[in-house]
Amino acid sequence: MQNSLLHRLILLIALLITGSQWTMGQHDDDTSGKSIEVPSLFDSTFETALYKGSLDISRHHISGLFFIKKISGEDVRIIFSNELGFSFFDLEFKGNNFIVHSCFPSLSRTSLLKLFENDFRLLFFPDTTIIHMKRGKSKDPELFVFRVKSAKGAFRYTVDKDSGKIRRIQTLKSIMGKTDLWVYGESSRQPQKLHIMNSAIRIHFKMVFIKK
């Protein structure tokens, strides 16, 4: 039964996710040395998206709009502003570079911006440096769970059995930078709802899709 479900998931992902492929294993299979790639949360045809959302840091709360735009190739720019146009931050991912175009003074701290960079990289870019993936046990019969080791760290991916879409990404073996990313809603291009949490330092992003 387990093998049947696994084969079904691989077939669904091959049909639903063009250009991306999960290489899955049984509980004890070792995928070291194989080419493993996870699908991006944003489809390859994605260009722009507008989300209504908020950022909570400890007891401080700010809300507004997240505008996300693919600049060229895989480069992405994200601007978080209030509805009057005042920018809280304007960030760009250009290749391996992380560019801070502007940032509200209270948010402009090296450690905080590094955390933002790591969180948004999980959101925008699939991990192409995976060296080991192992199937784990899931309490929910509708979900698969995988422990992943890559050059970027250790992660737990939760995947919907039927659609093959990522529902959750958790960083492991980390203390201050531990991230818990939740994905909600079906879409061919972008997630409909996102929660990004760093509970150890009480940071919480909430984003709800408005339009492309």
N, C-alpha and C. Protein backbone atom coordinates (compact mmCIF):
# COMPACT_ATOMS: atom_id res chain seq x y z
N MET A 1 0.83 -1.21 0.00
CA MET A 1 0.00 0.00 0.00
C MET A 1 0.87 1.26 0.00
N GLN A 2 1.95 1.20 0.81
CA GLN A 2 2.85 2.35 0.90
C GLN A 2 3.53 2.62 -0.43
N ASN A 3 3.97 1.51 -1.10
CA ASN A 3 4.60 1.67 -2.40
C ASN A 3 3.64 2.24 -3.42
N SER A 4 2.37 1.79 -3.35
CA SER A 4 1.35 2.27 -4.28
C SER A 4 1.13 3.76 -4.13
N LEU A 5 1.04 4.24 -2.89
CA LEU A 5 0.84 5.67 -2.64
C LEU A 5 2.04 6.47 -3.12
N LEU A 6 3.24 5.93 -2.89
CA LEU A 6 4.45 6.63 -3.30
C LEU A 6 4.51 6.77 -4.82
N HIS A 7 4.21 5.70 -5.52
CA HIS A 7 4.23 5.74 -6.99
C HIS A 7 3.17 6.70 -7.52
N ARG A 8 2.02 6.74 -6.83
CA ARG A 8 0.95 7.64 -7.24
C ARG A 8 1.39 9.10 -7.12
N LEU A 9 2.09 9.42 -6.03
CA LEU A 9 2.56 10.79 -5.81
C LEU A 9 3.56 11.20 -6.89
N ILE A 10 4.49 10.31 -7.19
CA ILE A 10 5.50 10.63 -8.20
C ILE A 10 4.84 10.89 -9.55
N LEU A 11 3.84 10.07 -9.90
CA LEU A 11 3.15 10.24 -11.18
C LEU A 11 2.40 11.57 -11.21
N LEU A 12 1.72 11.92 -10.10
CA LEU A 12 0.97 13.17 -10.05
C LEU A 12 1.89 14.37 -10.19
N ILE A 13 3.01 14.33 -9.52
CA ILE A 13 3.94 15.45 -9.58
C ILE A 13 4.51 15.60 -11.00
N ALA A 14 4.81 14.48 -11.64
CA ALA A 14 5.34 14.54 -13.00
C ALA A 14 4.34 15.17 -13.95
N LEU A 15 3.04 14.94 -13.70
CA LEU A 15 2.00 15.48 -14.57
C LEU A 15 1.68 16.93 -14.24
N LEU A 16 1.76 17.30 -12.95
CA LEU A 16 1.28 18.61 -12.52
C LEU A 16 2.37 19.68 -12.47
N ILE A 17 3.61 19.28 -12.31
CA ILE A 17 4.67 20.26 -12.10
C ILE A 17 5.69 20.14 -13.22
N THR A 18 5.59 21.00 -14.19
CA THR A 18 6.49 20.97 -15.35
C THR A 18 7.86 21.51 -14.95
N GLY A 19 8.89 20.75 -15.31
CA GLY A 19 10.25 21.22 -15.08
C GLY A 19 10.75 21.02 -13.68
N SER A 20 9.90 20.50 -12.76
CA SER A 20 10.34 20.25 -11.40
C SER A 20 10.03 18.81 -11.06
N GLN A 21 10.89 18.20 -10.22
CA GLN A 21 10.69 16.80 -9.92
C GLN A 21 11.13 16.50 -8.51
N TRP A 22 10.29 15.75 -7.81
CA TRP A 22 10.68 15.24 -6.51
C TRP A 22 11.26 13.85 -6.72
N THR A 23 12.38 13.54 -6.12
CA THR A 23 12.88 12.18 -6.09
C THR A 23 12.61 11.65 -4.70
N MET A 24 11.65 10.73 -4.57
CA MET A 24 11.19 10.28 -3.27
C MET A 24 11.80 8.93 -2.92
N GLY A 25 11.88 8.63 -1.62
CA GLY A 25 12.36 7.33 -1.20
C GLY A 25 11.48 6.73 -0.13
N GLN A 26 11.66 5.46 0.13
CA GLN A 26 11.00 4.82 1.26
C GLN A 26 11.67 5.31 2.54
N HIS A 27 11.20 4.82 3.67
CA HIS A 27 11.73 5.30 4.96
C HIS A 27 13.24 5.15 5.07
N ASP A 28 13.81 4.07 4.51
CA ASP A 28 15.23 3.80 4.70
C ASP A 28 16.05 4.01 3.45
N ASP A 29 15.43 4.50 2.37
CA ASP A 29 16.18 4.72 1.14
C ASP A 29 17.12 5.91 1.29
N ASP A 30 18.29 5.80 0.72
CA ASP A 30 19.27 6.88 0.75
C ASP A 30 19.35 7.49 -0.64
N THR A 31 19.07 8.78 -0.75
CA THR A 31 19.08 9.45 -2.05
C THR A 31 20.37 10.22 -2.28
N SER A 32 21.38 10.00 -1.46
CA SER A 32 22.64 10.72 -1.58
C SER A 32 23.24 10.52 -2.97
N GLY A 33 23.75 11.62 -3.54
CA GLY A 33 24.40 11.53 -4.83
C GLY A 33 23.48 11.63 -6.02
N LYS A 34 22.18 11.59 -5.78
CA LYS A 34 21.22 11.70 -6.87
C LYS A 34 20.79 13.15 -7.06
N SER A 35 20.31 13.46 -8.25
CA SER A 35 19.83 14.82 -8.53
C SER A 35 18.41 14.97 -7.99
N ILE A 36 18.24 15.83 -6.99
CA ILE A 36 16.95 16.01 -6.35
C ILE A 36 16.58 17.48 -6.41
N GLU A 37 15.37 17.77 -6.82
CA GLU A 37 14.92 19.15 -6.91
C GLU A 37 13.48 19.23 -6.45
N VAL A 38 13.15 20.25 -5.68
CA VAL A 38 11.77 20.42 -5.21
C VAL A 38 11.09 21.50 -6.04
N PRO A 39 9.77 21.43 -6.18
CA PRO A 39 9.07 22.44 -6.97
C PRO A 39 9.04 23.78 -6.26
N SER A 40 9.02 24.85 -7.03
CA SER A 40 8.92 26.19 -6.46
C SER A 40 7.49 26.46 -6.01
N LEU A 41 7.32 27.28 -4.98
CA LEU A 41 5.98 27.66 -4.54
C LEU A 41 5.33 28.60 -5.53
N PHE A 42 6.14 29.31 -6.33
CA PHE A 42 5.64 30.19 -7.37
C PHE A 42 5.93 29.54 -8.72
N ASP A 43 4.91 29.42 -9.55
CA ASP A 43 5.04 28.79 -10.85
C ASP A 43 6.05 29.52 -11.73
N SER A 44 6.60 28.79 -12.72
CA SER A 44 7.60 29.39 -13.61
C SER A 44 7.02 30.52 -14.46
N THR A 45 5.68 30.55 -14.61
CA THR A 45 5.04 31.62 -15.39
C THR A 45 4.71 32.84 -14.54
N PHE A 46 5.00 32.76 -13.25
CA PHE A 46 4.70 33.86 -12.34
C PHE A 46 5.46 35.13 -12.73
N GLU A 47 4.77 36.28 -12.70
CA GLU A 47 5.40 37.56 -13.00
C GLU A 47 5.22 38.57 -11.87
N THR A 48 3.97 38.80 -11.44
CA THR A 48 3.71 39.74 -10.35
C THR A 48 2.58 39.20 -9.48
N ALA A 49 2.55 39.65 -8.23
CA ALA A 49 1.46 39.30 -7.32
C ALA A 49 1.35 40.35 -6.24
N LEU A 50 0.13 40.62 -5.83
CA LEU A 50 -0.14 41.58 -4.76
C LEU A 50 -0.83 40.84 -3.62
N TYR A 51 -0.27 40.96 -2.43
CA TYR A 51 -0.82 40.33 -1.24
C TYR A 51 -1.16 41.40 -0.19
N LYS A 52 -2.25 41.20 0.50
CA LYS A 52 -2.54 42.00 1.68
C LYS A 52 -2.00 41.24 2.88
N GLY A 53 -1.30 41.94 3.76
CA GLY A 53 -0.68 41.19 4.83
C GLY A 53 -0.22 42.03 6.00
N SER A 54 0.54 41.38 6.87
CA SER A 54 1.02 42.03 8.08
C SER A 54 2.33 41.41 8.52
N LEU A 55 3.01 42.16 9.37
CA LEU A 55 4.25 41.70 9.99
C LEU A 55 4.17 41.99 11.47
N ASP A 56 4.30 40.94 12.29
CA ASP A 56 4.33 41.08 13.74
C ASP A 56 5.72 40.75 14.23
N ILE A 57 6.31 41.66 14.98
CA ILE A 57 7.59 41.42 15.62
C ILE A 57 7.39 41.68 17.11
N SER A 58 7.40 40.60 17.89
CA SER A 58 7.10 40.69 19.30
C SER A 58 5.72 41.34 19.48
N ARG A 59 5.63 42.46 20.15
CA ARG A 59 4.33 43.11 20.36
C ARG A 59 4.02 44.17 19.30
N HIS A 60 4.91 44.36 18.36
CA HIS A 60 4.74 45.39 17.35
C HIS A 60 4.06 44.81 16.11
N HIS A 61 3.08 45.54 15.59
CA HIS A 61 2.28 45.06 14.46
C HIS A 61 2.20 46.14 13.38
N ILE A 62 2.54 45.76 12.14
CA ILE A 62 2.35 46.66 11.01
C ILE A 62 1.63 45.88 9.90
N SER A 63 0.77 46.57 9.17
CA SER A 63 0.03 45.90 8.10
C SER A 63 0.08 46.73 6.83
N GLY A 64 -0.18 46.09 5.71
CA GLY A 64 -0.13 46.79 4.44
C GLY A 64 -0.22 45.85 3.27
N LEU A 65 0.55 46.15 2.22
CA LEU A 65 0.51 45.38 0.99
C LEU A 65 1.91 44.88 0.63
N PHE A 66 1.98 43.62 0.21
CA PHE A 66 3.22 43.03 -0.29
C PHE A 66 3.12 42.95 -1.81
N PHE A 67 3.98 43.68 -2.50
CA PHE A 67 4.01 43.61 -3.96
C PHE A 67 5.25 42.80 -4.35
N ILE A 68 5.03 41.71 -5.09
CA ILE A 68 6.11 40.81 -5.49
C ILE A 68 6.21 40.81 -7.01
N LYS A 69 7.41 40.99 -7.51
CA LYS A 69 7.60 41.05 -8.96
C LYS A 69 8.86 40.29 -9.37
N LYS A 70 8.71 39.44 -10.39
CA LYS A 70 9.90 38.81 -10.97
C LYS A 70 10.53 39.82 -11.92
N ILE A 71 11.77 40.20 -11.65
CA ILE A 71 12.44 41.24 -12.42
C ILE A 71 12.93 40.70 -13.76
N SER A 72 13.75 39.69 -13.72
CA SER A 72 14.26 39.05 -14.93
C SER A 72 14.83 37.70 -14.53
N GLY A 73 14.61 36.70 -15.37
CA GLY A 73 15.10 35.37 -15.02
C GLY A 73 14.50 34.91 -13.71
N GLU A 74 15.36 34.68 -12.72
CA GLU A 74 14.89 34.24 -11.40
C GLU A 74 14.95 35.36 -10.37
N ASP A 75 15.33 36.57 -10.78
CA ASP A 75 15.44 37.69 -9.84
C ASP A 75 14.06 38.15 -9.38
N VAL A 76 13.94 38.43 -8.07
CA VAL A 76 12.65 38.79 -7.49
C VAL A 76 12.79 40.04 -6.62
N ARG A 77 11.80 40.90 -6.68
CA ARG A 77 11.76 42.09 -5.83
C ARG A 77 10.48 42.06 -5.01
N ILE A 78 10.58 42.39 -3.72
CA ILE A 78 9.42 42.41 -2.84
C ILE A 78 9.39 43.73 -2.08
N ILE A 79 8.25 44.41 -2.16
CA ILE A 79 8.06 45.69 -1.49
C ILE A 79 6.89 45.57 -0.52
N PHE A 80 7.13 45.92 0.72
CA PHE A 80 6.08 45.91 1.74
C PHE A 80 5.80 47.36 2.14
N SER A 81 4.58 47.83 1.88
CA SER A 81 4.23 49.23 2.16
C SER A 81 2.83 49.30 2.75
N ASN A 82 2.52 50.44 3.37
CA ASN A 82 1.14 50.61 3.83
C ASN A 82 0.28 51.04 2.63
N GLU A 83 -1.02 51.16 2.84
CA GLU A 83 -1.92 51.43 1.73
C GLU A 83 -1.83 52.86 1.22
N LEU A 84 -1.06 53.70 1.91
CA LEU A 84 -0.82 55.06 1.44
C LEU A 84 0.47 55.17 0.63
N GLY A 85 1.20 54.05 0.55
CA GLY A 85 2.40 54.02 -0.25
C GLY A 85 3.70 54.19 0.51
N PHE A 86 3.62 54.30 1.85
CA PHE A 86 4.84 54.41 2.65
C PHE A 86 5.50 53.03 2.71
N SER A 87 6.76 52.95 2.34
CA SER A 87 7.46 51.66 2.25
C SER A 87 8.11 51.28 3.58
N PHE A 88 7.79 50.06 4.04
CA PHE A 88 8.45 49.50 5.22
C PHE A 88 9.79 48.88 4.82
N PHE A 89 9.79 48.18 3.70
CA PHE A 89 11.05 47.70 3.13
C PHE A 89 10.88 47.42 1.65
N ASP A 90 12.01 47.49 0.94
CA ASP A 90 12.08 47.22 -0.50
C ASP A 90 13.31 46.34 -0.70
N LEU A 91 13.09 45.05 -0.97
CA LEU A 91 14.17 44.07 -1.02
C LEU A 91 14.24 43.42 -2.40
N GLU A 92 15.45 43.05 -2.81
CA GLU A 92 15.61 42.40 -4.11
C GLU A 92 16.57 41.21 -3.99
N PHE A 93 16.19 40.13 -4.64
CA PHE A 93 17.05 38.96 -4.76
C PHE A 93 17.57 38.93 -6.19
N LYS A 94 18.85 39.17 -6.36
CA LYS A 94 19.46 39.23 -7.68
C LYS A 94 20.58 38.20 -7.72
N GLY A 95 20.27 37.03 -8.31
CA GLY A 95 21.22 35.93 -8.27
C GLY A 95 21.44 35.50 -6.83
N ASN A 96 22.68 35.42 -6.42
CA ASN A 96 22.99 35.08 -5.02
C ASN A 96 23.03 36.31 -4.12
N ASN A 97 22.81 37.48 -4.70
CA ASN A 97 22.89 38.72 -3.93
C ASN A 97 21.54 39.12 -3.35
N PHE A 98 21.58 39.67 -2.16
CA PHE A 98 20.40 40.19 -1.47
C PHE A 98 20.60 41.70 -1.33
N ILE A 99 19.73 42.47 -1.98
CA ILE A 99 19.88 43.92 -2.04
C ILE A 99 18.78 44.60 -1.23
N VAL A 100 19.16 45.45 -0.31
CA VAL A 100 18.20 46.23 0.47
C VAL A 100 18.12 47.62 -0.16
N HIS A 101 17.08 47.88 -0.93
CA HIS A 101 16.94 49.19 -1.57
C HIS A 101 16.51 50.25 -0.55
N SER A 102 15.65 49.85 0.37
CA SER A 102 15.25 50.75 1.45
C SER A 102 14.66 49.92 2.58
N CYS A 103 14.70 50.48 3.78
CA CYS A 103 14.17 49.75 4.93
C CYS A 103 13.87 50.75 6.05
N PHE A 104 12.71 50.61 6.67
CA PHE A 104 12.33 51.46 7.80
C PHE A 104 13.38 51.30 8.90
N PRO A 105 13.83 52.39 9.51
CA PRO A 105 14.95 52.33 10.47
C PRO A 105 14.81 51.26 11.55
N SER A 106 13.63 51.08 12.10
CA SER A 106 13.47 50.11 13.18
C SER A 106 13.61 48.67 12.70
N LEU A 107 13.50 48.45 11.38
CA LEU A 107 13.68 47.11 10.82
C LEU A 107 15.07 46.91 10.24
N SER A 108 15.83 47.97 10.13
CA SER A 108 17.13 47.92 9.48
C SER A 108 18.21 47.43 10.44
N ARG A 109 18.13 46.18 10.80
CA ARG A 109 19.12 45.54 11.65
C ARG A 109 19.69 44.36 10.89
N THR A 110 20.99 44.19 10.95
CA THR A 110 21.65 43.14 10.16
C THR A 110 21.06 41.76 10.43
N SER A 111 20.87 41.41 11.69
CA SER A 111 20.36 40.09 12.04
C SER A 111 18.92 39.89 11.55
N LEU A 112 18.12 40.95 11.65
CA LEU A 112 16.72 40.87 11.22
C LEU A 112 16.62 40.75 9.70
N LEU A 113 17.41 41.55 8.99
CA LEU A 113 17.40 41.49 7.53
C LEU A 113 17.91 40.14 7.02
N LYS A 114 18.87 39.55 7.71
CA LYS A 114 19.37 38.22 7.34
C LYS A 114 18.26 37.19 7.50
N LEU A 115 17.48 37.34 8.55
CA LEU A 115 16.36 36.43 8.78
C LEU A 115 15.31 36.59 7.68
N PHE A 116 15.02 37.85 7.32
CA PHE A 116 14.09 38.10 6.20
C PHE A 116 14.60 37.44 4.92
N GLU A 117 15.90 37.60 4.67
CA GLU A 117 16.48 37.01 3.45
C GLU A 117 16.28 35.50 3.44
N ASN A 118 16.60 34.84 4.52
CA ASN A 118 16.46 33.38 4.59
C ASN A 118 15.01 32.94 4.42
N ASP A 119 14.09 33.66 5.07
CA ASP A 119 12.66 33.31 4.98
C ASP A 119 12.14 33.45 3.55
N PHE A 120 12.48 34.57 2.92
CA PHE A 120 11.97 34.81 1.57
C PHE A 120 12.66 33.92 0.53
N ARG A 121 13.88 33.51 0.78
CA ARG A 121 14.53 32.57 -0.14
C ARG A 121 13.78 31.23 -0.12
N LEU A 122 13.34 30.80 1.05
CA LEU A 122 12.53 29.58 1.14
C LEU A 122 11.25 29.73 0.32
N LEU A 123 10.70 30.94 0.34
CA LEU A 123 9.43 31.20 -0.33
C LEU A 123 9.58 31.26 -1.85
N PHE A 124 10.60 31.93 -2.35
CA PHE A 124 10.71 32.21 -3.78
C PHE A 124 11.51 31.20 -4.58
N PHE A 125 12.49 30.54 -3.94
CA PHE A 125 13.43 29.74 -4.72
C PHE A 125 13.45 28.28 -4.26
N PRO A 126 13.28 27.34 -5.19
CA PRO A 126 13.39 25.92 -4.82
C PRO A 126 14.83 25.59 -4.47
N ASP A 127 15.02 24.67 -3.55
CA ASP A 127 16.36 24.26 -3.13
C ASP A 127 16.94 23.29 -4.16
N THR A 128 17.98 23.70 -4.85
CA THR A 128 18.61 22.85 -5.86
C THR A 128 19.88 22.19 -5.33
N THR A 129 20.11 22.27 -4.01
CA THR A 129 21.35 21.73 -3.44
C THR A 129 21.08 20.53 -2.54
N ILE A 130 19.91 19.89 -2.70
CA ILE A 130 19.54 18.76 -1.85
C ILE A 130 20.47 17.58 -2.09
N ILE A 131 20.98 17.00 -1.00
CA ILE A 131 21.88 15.86 -1.12
C ILE A 131 21.30 14.60 -0.49
N HIS A 132 20.23 14.74 0.27
CA HIS A 132 19.62 13.56 0.90
C HIS A 132 18.17 13.87 1.23
N MET A 133 17.29 12.91 0.96
CA MET A 133 15.87 13.05 1.27
C MET A 133 15.35 11.73 1.83
N LYS A 134 14.60 11.80 2.91
CA LYS A 134 14.12 10.59 3.56
C LYS A 134 12.65 10.75 3.93
N ARG A 135 11.87 9.76 3.58
CA ARG A 135 10.45 9.77 3.89
C ARG A 135 10.24 9.56 5.38
N GLY A 136 9.37 10.39 5.99
CA GLY A 136 9.05 10.27 7.40
C GLY A 136 7.60 9.87 7.61
N LYS A 137 7.19 9.79 8.84
CA LYS A 137 5.82 9.41 9.17
C LYS A 137 4.96 10.66 9.30
N SER A 138 3.75 10.58 8.77
CA SER A 138 2.81 11.70 8.84
C SER A 138 1.59 11.29 9.66
N LYS A 139 1.16 12.17 10.56
CA LYS A 139 -0.05 11.91 11.34
C LYS A 139 -1.30 12.10 10.50
N ASP A 140 -1.18 12.87 9.43
CA ASP A 140 -2.30 13.15 8.54
C ASP A 140 -2.22 12.23 7.32
N PRO A 141 -3.22 11.37 7.10
CA PRO A 141 -3.18 10.43 5.96
C PRO A 141 -3.21 11.11 4.60
N GLU A 142 -3.53 12.40 4.57
CA GLU A 142 -3.59 13.13 3.30
C GLU A 142 -2.27 13.80 2.93
N LEU A 143 -1.27 13.64 3.80
CA LEU A 143 0.00 14.34 3.60
C LEU A 143 1.19 13.39 3.64
N PHE A 144 2.23 13.72 2.89
CA PHE A 144 3.53 13.07 2.99
C PHE A 144 4.47 14.01 3.72
N VAL A 145 5.41 13.45 4.47
CA VAL A 145 6.43 14.24 5.16
C VAL A 145 7.80 13.72 4.76
N PHE A 146 8.72 14.64 4.45
CA PHE A 146 10.07 14.28 4.05
C PHE A 146 11.08 15.11 4.84
N ARG A 147 12.11 14.44 5.34
CA ARG A 147 13.25 15.13 5.93
C ARG A 147 14.29 15.33 4.85
N VAL A 148 14.77 16.55 4.73
CA VAL A 148 15.65 16.92 3.62
C VAL A 148 16.93 17.53 4.18
N LYS A 149 18.05 17.10 3.62
CA LYS A 149 19.34 17.70 3.95
C LYS A 149 19.92 18.29 2.67
N SER A 150 20.34 19.54 2.74
CA SER A 150 20.94 20.19 1.58
C SER A 150 22.11 21.04 2.02
N ALA A 151 22.75 21.68 1.04
CA ALA A 151 23.86 22.57 1.36
C ALA A 151 23.40 23.77 2.17
N LYS A 152 22.09 24.03 2.15
CA LYS A 152 21.53 25.17 2.87
C LYS A 152 21.09 24.84 4.29
N GLY A 153 21.07 23.54 4.64
CA GLY A 153 20.66 23.16 5.98
C GLY A 153 19.78 21.92 5.98
N ALA A 154 19.05 21.74 7.08
CA ALA A 154 18.14 20.60 7.23
C ALA A 154 16.70 21.12 7.30
N PHE A 155 15.78 20.41 6.62
CA PHE A 155 14.41 20.88 6.50
C PHE A 155 13.43 19.71 6.60
N ARG A 156 12.21 20.06 6.93
CA ARG A 156 11.10 19.10 6.85
C ARG A 156 10.07 19.67 5.87
N TYR A 157 9.76 18.91 4.83
CA TYR A 157 8.76 19.31 3.84
C TYR A 157 7.49 18.49 4.05
N THR A 158 6.35 19.16 4.08
CA THR A 158 5.06 18.49 4.12
C THR A 158 4.38 18.71 2.78
N VAL A 159 3.94 17.60 2.14
CA VAL A 159 3.44 17.65 0.77
C VAL A 159 2.05 17.03 0.70
N ASP A 160 1.14 17.68 -0.03
CA ASP A 160 -0.21 17.15 -0.24
C ASP A 160 -0.14 15.91 -1.15
N LYS A 161 -0.76 14.81 -0.74
CA LYS A 161 -0.68 13.57 -1.50
C LYS A 161 -1.32 13.69 -2.87
N ASP A 162 -2.47 14.33 -2.94
CA ASP A 162 -3.22 14.37 -4.19
C ASP A 162 -2.62 15.32 -5.22
N SER A 163 -2.26 16.53 -4.79
CA SER A 163 -1.79 17.53 -5.74
C SER A 163 -0.28 17.57 -5.90
N GLY A 164 0.46 17.03 -4.91
CA GLY A 164 1.92 17.11 -4.94
C GLY A 164 2.46 18.46 -4.54
N LYS A 165 1.60 19.36 -4.07
CA LYS A 165 2.03 20.72 -3.71
C LYS A 165 2.57 20.76 -2.28
N ILE A 166 3.56 21.63 -2.09
CA ILE A 166 4.14 21.83 -0.76
C ILE A 166 3.15 22.57 0.12
N ARG A 167 2.93 22.05 1.32
CA ARG A 167 2.04 22.69 2.29
C ARG A 167 2.79 23.34 3.44
N ARG A 168 4.01 22.87 3.69
CA ARG A 168 4.75 23.41 4.83
C ARG A 168 6.24 23.13 4.64
N ILE A 169 7.07 24.11 5.01
CA ILE A 169 8.52 23.93 5.04
C ILE A 169 9.01 24.38 6.42
N GLN A 170 9.74 23.51 7.10
CA GLN A 170 10.27 23.85 8.42
C GLN A 170 11.78 23.69 8.40
N THR A 171 12.49 24.67 8.94
CA THR A 171 13.93 24.52 9.09
C THR A 171 14.20 23.74 10.37
N LEU A 172 15.21 22.89 10.33
CA LEU A 172 15.57 22.06 11.48
C LEU A 172 16.98 22.41 11.94
N LYS A 173 17.31 21.99 13.14
CA LYS A 173 18.66 22.19 13.69
C LYS A 173 19.08 23.65 13.67
N SER A 174 18.15 24.50 13.99
CA SER A 174 18.43 25.93 14.07
C SER A 174 17.73 26.48 15.29
N ILE A 175 18.30 27.50 15.90
CA ILE A 175 17.70 28.04 17.12
C ILE A 175 17.05 29.39 16.82
N MET A 176 17.85 30.43 16.67
CA MET A 176 17.29 31.76 16.46
C MET A 176 16.67 31.93 15.07
N GLY A 177 17.23 31.23 14.07
CA GLY A 177 16.73 31.42 12.72
C GLY A 177 15.71 30.41 12.28
N LYS A 178 15.11 29.67 13.20
CA LYS A 178 14.18 28.61 12.84
C LYS A 178 12.92 29.18 12.19
N THR A 179 12.60 28.65 11.00
CA THR A 179 11.47 29.16 10.22
C THR A 179 10.43 28.08 10.02
N ASP A 180 9.17 28.48 10.08
CA ASP A 180 8.04 27.58 9.82
C ASP A 180 7.15 28.26 8.79
N LEU A 181 7.16 27.75 7.56
CA LEU A 181 6.44 28.35 6.44
C LEU A 181 5.23 27.50 6.08
N TRP A 182 4.02 28.09 6.16
CA TRP A 182 2.77 27.41 5.84
C TRP A 182 2.21 27.96 4.53
N VAL A 183 1.72 27.07 3.68
CA VAL A 183 1.17 27.44 2.38
C VAL A 183 -0.27 26.95 2.30
N TYR A 184 -1.18 27.84 1.90
CA TYR A 184 -2.59 27.49 1.81
C TYR A 184 -3.14 27.83 0.42
N GLY A 185 -4.12 27.05 -0.03
CA GLY A 185 -4.83 27.39 -1.27
C GLY A 185 -4.20 26.83 -2.51
N GLU A 186 -5.04 26.46 -3.47
CA GLU A 186 -4.58 25.93 -4.74
C GLU A 186 -4.44 27.07 -5.75
N SER A 187 -3.38 27.03 -6.52
CA SER A 187 -3.18 27.99 -7.60
C SER A 187 -2.12 27.46 -8.54
N SER A 188 -2.25 27.79 -9.80
CA SER A 188 -1.27 27.34 -10.77
C SER A 188 -0.04 28.24 -10.78
N ARG A 189 -0.14 29.44 -10.21
CA ARG A 189 0.96 30.39 -10.30
C ARG A 189 1.56 30.78 -8.96
N GLN A 190 0.73 31.01 -7.95
CA GLN A 190 1.25 31.47 -6.67
C GLN A 190 0.34 30.99 -5.54
N PRO A 191 0.91 30.88 -4.32
CA PRO A 191 0.09 30.51 -3.16
C PRO A 191 -0.99 31.55 -2.89
N GLN A 192 -2.13 31.10 -2.39
CA GLN A 192 -3.22 32.02 -2.08
C GLN A 192 -3.06 32.66 -0.69
N LYS A 193 -2.41 31.93 0.20
CA LYS A 193 -2.25 32.43 1.57
C LYS A 193 -0.94 31.88 2.14
N LEU A 194 -0.19 32.72 2.84
CA LEU A 194 1.10 32.33 3.39
C LEU A 194 1.26 32.80 4.82
N HIS A 195 1.83 31.95 5.64
CA HIS A 195 2.24 32.33 6.99
C HIS A 195 3.71 31.94 7.12
N ILE A 196 4.54 32.89 7.55
CA ILE A 196 5.96 32.62 7.80
C ILE A 196 6.25 33.01 9.23
N MET A 197 6.65 32.02 10.03
CA MET A 197 6.84 32.26 11.46
C MET A 197 8.25 31.91 11.92
N ASN A 198 8.79 32.76 12.77
CA ASN A 198 10.03 32.49 13.49
C ASN A 198 9.69 32.62 14.98
N SER A 199 9.18 31.54 15.53
CA SER A 199 8.60 31.60 16.87
C SER A 199 9.61 31.94 17.96
N ALA A 200 10.88 31.53 17.79
CA ALA A 200 11.88 31.77 18.83
C ALA A 200 12.07 33.26 19.09
N ILE A 201 11.95 34.08 18.04
CA ILE A 201 12.10 35.52 18.22
C ILE A 201 10.82 36.27 17.88
N ARG A 202 9.72 35.53 17.81
CA ARG A 202 8.35 36.07 17.71
C ARG A 202 8.18 37.00 16.49
N ILE A 203 8.49 36.45 15.32
CA ILE A 203 8.25 37.14 14.06
C ILE A 203 7.22 36.35 13.26
N HIS A 204 6.24 37.05 12.70
CA HIS A 204 5.17 36.37 11.98
C HIS A 204 4.72 37.21 10.79
N PHE A 205 4.94 36.69 9.58
CA PHE A 205 4.41 37.29 8.36
C PHE A 205 3.08 36.60 8.02
N LYS A 206 2.07 37.40 7.63
CA LYS A 206 0.83 36.85 7.10
C LYS A 206 0.55 37.51 5.76
N MET A 207 0.23 36.72 4.74
CA MET A 207 0.02 37.25 3.41
C MET A 207 -1.18 36.56 2.75
N VAL A 208 -2.11 37.34 2.22
CA VAL A 208 -3.29 36.81 1.54
C VAL A 208 -3.33 37.40 0.14
N PHE A 209 -3.37 36.52 -0.88
CA PHE A 209 -3.31 36.96 -2.28
C PHE A 209 -4.53 37.81 -2.65
N ILE A 210 -4.27 38.93 -3.36
CA ILE A 210 -5.34 39.81 -3.85
C ILE A 210 -5.49 39.69 -5.36
N LYS A 211 -4.39 39.93 -6.08
CA LYS A 211 -4.45 39.85 -7.53
C LYS A 211 -3.05 39.76 -8.10
N LYS A 212 -2.97 39.37 -9.38
CA LYS A 212 -1.68 39.32 -10.06
C LYS A 212 -1.42 40.63 -10.79
